[in-house]
Amino acid sequence: MMIEIFEDIVCPWCRIGKKNLEDALANFTAEPVEVHYRAFQLDPYTPTEGSPFREVMHKKMQADEDRLNGMLQQVTQAGKASGLHFDFSKVEKMPNTLKAHQLIAIAPKELKKPVVDALFKAYFEDGKDIGHLDELLATAEQLGMDREKTRSLLDAKEGLEQVEDDFEFARQAGVTGVPFFVINRKYALTGAQPSATLLQALQQISAEQPDENGNENEQ
């Protein structure tokens, strides 16, 4: 089974949805699974240098300070229920995530998940500006990637074509919100579904897939 996760690093529900999927996969034994991370930008028009986080959120959610705080608290509680920590008091910048997606694209296969996890943590727990090149290079270096080689690859726009292909696939598929899960290029699940719901869906999809003899698998 192949699962493609379309996500944006500044999307808290993407982080929660990804964690819920991982929890579901821990209990999914029907068949081997490959997870691929696909790029999506909630706002591709965010300036390269980023924008003030609360200013953006007030405008986007059309919410005053009290309502915005309530919404962020809701996300924090949902994250806690999934075993994730969020600290929005540290988040000052709404970054442009294009280079972050580029870093994920050029990361070695075995480091893609750690890079995604590290970027989510850097942004939502530590308030790092993950649109800034130095922060991306620091993340890469902490995970064992060569800092200067990574800088050269990013400067040379390596991985950018893959990122843009992901954007185009999402447009063609009508993806307007994330997280968005594409399974075997045939099925789609949207939103940060609970792990039990995801597990049930995966089991059902696996059961519907024909085996090598053309017969549907039995659970």
Protein backbone atom coordinates (compact mmCIF):
# COMPACT_ATOMS: atom_id res chain seq x y z
CA MET A 1 0.00 0.00 0.00
CA MET A 2 1.22 3.49 -0.84
CA ILE A 3 0.04 6.48 1.20
CA GLU A 4 0.84 10.00 0.06
CA ILE A 5 0.39 12.75 2.65
CA PHE A 6 -0.19 16.23 1.27
CA GLU A 7 0.68 18.66 4.05
CA ASP A 8 2.06 22.07 4.85
CA ILE A 9 4.54 22.53 7.68
CA VAL A 10 2.63 25.54 9.07
CA CYS A 11 -0.59 23.49 9.27
CA PRO A 12 -1.13 22.21 12.83
CA TRP A 13 -3.86 19.80 11.72
CA CYS A 14 -1.36 18.29 9.27
CA ARG A 15 0.95 17.51 12.16
CA ILE A 16 -1.92 15.98 14.12
CA GLY A 17 -3.22 14.06 11.11
CA LYS A 18 0.24 12.67 10.37
CA LYS A 19 0.64 11.50 13.98
CA ASN A 20 -2.80 9.87 13.91
CA LEU A 21 -1.87 8.07 10.71
CA GLU A 22 1.33 6.78 12.29
CA ASP A 23 -0.65 5.53 15.27
CA ALA A 24 -3.05 3.78 12.88
CA LEU A 25 -0.19 2.20 10.93
CA ALA A 26 1.28 0.84 14.18
CA ASN A 27 -1.80 -1.40 14.34
CA PHE A 28 -2.16 -2.07 10.62
CA THR A 29 -0.82 -5.50 9.70
CA ALA A 30 -2.70 -6.33 6.49
CA GLU A 31 0.17 -5.42 4.15
CA PRO A 32 3.39 -3.37 3.96
CA VAL A 33 2.95 0.39 3.64
CA GLU A 34 5.08 3.07 2.00
CA VAL A 35 4.48 6.65 3.14
CA HIS A 36 5.43 9.55 0.89
CA TYR A 37 5.38 13.20 1.91
CA ARG A 38 3.89 15.58 -0.66
CA ALA A 39 4.17 19.35 -0.66
CA PHE A 40 1.24 21.72 -0.33
CA GLN A 41 1.16 25.42 0.47
CA LEU A 42 -1.83 26.85 2.27
CA ASP A 43 -0.74 30.31 1.13
CA PRO A 44 1.83 30.33 -1.68
CA TYR A 45 1.66 34.13 -1.69
CA THR A 46 3.26 34.46 1.76
CA PRO A 47 6.26 36.77 1.35
CA THR A 48 9.66 35.08 1.25
CA GLU A 49 10.56 36.78 4.54
CA GLY A 50 7.26 35.66 6.09
CA SER A 51 4.51 37.65 7.81
CA PRO A 52 3.52 38.27 11.45
CA PHE A 53 1.71 35.11 12.62
CA ARG A 54 -1.12 36.68 14.64
CA GLU A 55 -1.76 39.36 12.06
CA VAL A 56 -2.17 36.68 9.39
CA MET A 57 -4.37 34.50 11.59
CA HIS A 58 -6.63 37.38 12.64
CA LYS A 59 -7.24 38.20 8.99
CA LYS A 60 -7.56 34.61 7.77
CA MET A 61 -9.91 33.44 10.52
CA GLN A 62 -11.70 36.79 10.82
CA ALA A 63 -11.26 36.43 14.55
CA ASP A 64 -10.56 38.87 17.36
CA GLU A 65 -7.87 38.11 19.95
CA ASP A 66 -10.14 36.14 22.29
CA ARG A 67 -11.60 34.02 19.51
CA LEU A 68 -8.18 33.38 18.00
CA ASN A 69 -6.79 32.31 21.36
CA GLY A 70 -9.71 29.94 21.76
CA MET A 71 -9.05 28.40 18.34
CA LEU A 72 -5.36 27.95 19.10
CA GLN A 73 -6.23 26.37 22.44
CA GLN A 74 -8.51 23.93 20.62
CA VAL A 75 -5.60 22.93 18.38
CA THR A 76 -3.32 22.60 21.41
CA GLN A 77 -5.78 20.28 23.13
CA ALA A 78 -6.27 18.19 19.98
CA GLY A 79 -2.51 17.88 19.70
CA LYS A 80 -2.21 16.85 23.32
CA ALA A 81 -4.80 14.11 22.75
CA SER A 82 -2.58 12.78 19.97
CA GLY A 83 0.60 13.03 22.05
CA LEU A 84 1.90 16.24 20.49
CA HIS A 85 2.94 19.52 22.11
CA PHE A 86 2.08 22.92 20.65
CA ASP A 87 3.23 26.26 22.05
CA PHE A 88 1.68 29.06 20.01
CA SER A 89 3.05 31.66 22.42
CA LYS A 90 6.42 31.13 20.71
CA VAL A 91 5.15 31.31 17.14
CA GLU A 92 5.78 34.82 15.84
CA LYS A 93 6.17 34.30 12.10
CA MET A 94 4.00 32.82 9.37
CA PRO A 95 6.78 31.67 7.04
CA ASN A 96 6.78 30.88 3.37
CA THR A 97 7.27 27.10 3.36
CA LEU A 98 8.59 26.61 -0.17
CA LYS A 99 12.21 26.03 0.92
CA ALA A 100 11.07 23.77 3.77
CA HIS A 101 9.28 21.58 1.22
CA GLN A 102 12.39 21.70 -0.95
CA LEU A 103 14.47 20.45 1.99
CA ILE A 104 12.09 17.53 2.52
CA ALA A 105 12.32 16.72 -1.20
CA ILE A 106 16.13 16.54 -1.22
CA ALA A 107 16.46 14.69 2.09
CA PRO A 108 17.55 11.04 1.76
CA LYS A 109 14.64 8.61 1.89
CA GLU A 110 15.48 7.44 5.42
CA LEU A 111 15.57 11.06 6.67
CA LYS A 112 12.37 12.39 5.12
CA LYS A 113 10.18 11.52 8.12
CA PRO A 114 12.73 12.84 10.66
CA VAL A 115 13.03 16.07 8.65
CA VAL A 116 9.25 16.52 8.54
CA ASP A 117 8.99 15.79 12.28
CA ALA A 118 11.86 18.15 13.10
CA LEU A 119 10.37 21.00 11.06
CA PHE A 120 6.97 20.58 12.70
CA LYS A 121 8.61 20.60 16.14
CA ALA A 122 10.85 23.56 15.32
CA TYR A 123 7.85 25.63 14.26
CA PHE A 124 5.07 24.59 16.62
CA GLU A 125 7.09 23.91 19.78
CA ASP A 126 10.13 26.15 19.49
CA GLY A 127 8.73 29.00 17.39
CA LYS A 128 11.55 28.80 14.84
CA ASP A 129 11.25 30.62 11.53
CA ILE A 130 11.31 27.61 9.21
CA GLY A 131 11.17 29.85 6.18
CA HIS A 132 14.69 31.08 6.99
CA LEU A 133 17.53 29.27 5.27
CA ASP A 134 19.72 29.12 8.39
CA GLU A 135 16.96 27.38 10.37
CA LEU A 136 16.49 24.82 7.61
CA LEU A 137 20.22 24.17 7.42
CA ALA A 138 20.40 23.79 11.20
CA THR A 139 17.60 21.21 11.07
CA ALA A 140 19.31 19.32 8.27
CA GLU A 141 22.66 19.36 10.07
CA GLN A 142 21.13 18.07 13.31
CA LEU A 143 19.82 15.07 11.39
CA GLY A 144 23.17 14.28 9.81
CA MET A 145 22.89 16.06 6.48
CA ASP A 146 25.97 18.02 5.42
CA ARG A 147 25.22 21.71 5.98
CA GLU A 148 27.15 23.18 3.06
CA LYS A 149 26.09 20.47 0.62
CA THR A 150 22.48 21.04 1.63
CA ARG A 151 22.92 24.80 1.15
CA SER A 152 24.34 24.20 -2.33
CA LEU A 153 21.47 21.90 -3.28
CA LEU A 154 18.86 24.37 -2.07
CA ASP A 155 20.58 27.24 -3.87
CA ALA A 156 20.68 25.14 -7.05
CA LYS A 157 16.91 24.58 -6.70
CA GLU A 158 17.33 20.83 -6.34
CA GLY A 159 14.05 19.19 -5.38
CA LEU A 160 12.05 22.21 -6.49
CA GLU A 161 10.67 20.44 -9.55
CA GLN A 162 9.32 17.64 -7.35
CA VAL A 163 7.72 20.20 -5.03
CA GLU A 164 6.09 21.96 -7.97
CA ASP A 165 4.89 18.60 -9.33
CA ASP A 166 3.20 17.99 -5.95
CA PHE A 167 1.53 21.39 -6.17
CA GLU A 168 0.29 20.60 -9.67
CA PHE A 169 -0.99 17.14 -8.67
CA ALA A 170 -2.89 18.73 -5.80
CA ARG A 171 -4.42 21.30 -8.15
CA GLN A 172 -5.43 18.64 -10.66
CA ALA A 173 -6.91 16.49 -7.87
CA GLY A 174 -8.87 19.42 -6.49
CA VAL A 175 -7.07 19.43 -3.14
CA THR A 176 -7.98 22.65 -1.38
CA GLY A 177 -7.17 21.74 2.23
CA VAL A 178 -4.72 19.59 4.12
CA PRO A 179 -3.93 17.09 5.49
CA PHE A 180 -5.03 15.11 2.45
CA PHE A 181 -4.18 11.42 2.17
CA VAL A 182 -4.04 9.65 -1.19
CA ILE A 183 -3.98 5.86 -0.97
CA ASN A 184 -2.76 3.77 -3.90
CA ARG A 185 -3.48 6.74 -6.16
CA LYS A 186 -7.14 5.68 -5.98
CA TYR A 187 -8.63 6.56 -2.60
CA ALA A 188 -8.59 9.82 -0.67
CA LEU A 189 -9.07 10.76 2.98
CA THR A 190 -9.25 14.34 4.17
CA GLY A 191 -8.60 16.07 7.46
CA ALA A 192 -7.00 15.07 10.74
CA GLN A 193 -9.06 11.91 11.22
CA PRO A 194 -8.76 9.99 14.51
CA SER A 195 -6.34 7.06 14.36
CA ALA A 196 -9.17 4.52 14.81
CA THR A 197 -11.01 6.00 11.82
CA LEU A 198 -7.85 5.91 9.71
CA LEU A 199 -7.13 2.32 10.71
CA GLN A 200 -10.64 1.23 9.78
CA ALA A 201 -10.35 2.97 6.40
CA LEU A 202 -6.97 1.38 5.66
CA GLN A 203 -8.28 -2.06 6.56
CA GLN A 204 -11.30 -1.60 4.32
CA ILE A 205 -9.18 -0.38 1.40
CA SER A 206 -6.75 -3.25 1.82
CA ALA A 207 -9.63 -5.75 1.85
CA GLU A 208 -11.00 -4.30 -1.39
CA GLN A 209 -7.70 -4.56 -3.23
CA PRO A 210 -7.39 -7.62 -5.50
CA ASP A 211 -4.55 -10.03 -4.79
CA GLU A 212 -2.16 -11.29 -7.48
CA ASN A 213 -4.86 -13.68 -8.74
CA GLY A 214 -7.42 -10.92 -9.08
CA ASN A 215 -9.35 -11.92 -5.97
CA GLU A 216 -10.25 -9.48 -3.23
CA ASN A 217 -8.22 -9.95 -0.06
CA GLU A 218 -9.95 -11.43 2.95
CA GLN A 219 -9.43 -9.82 6.34
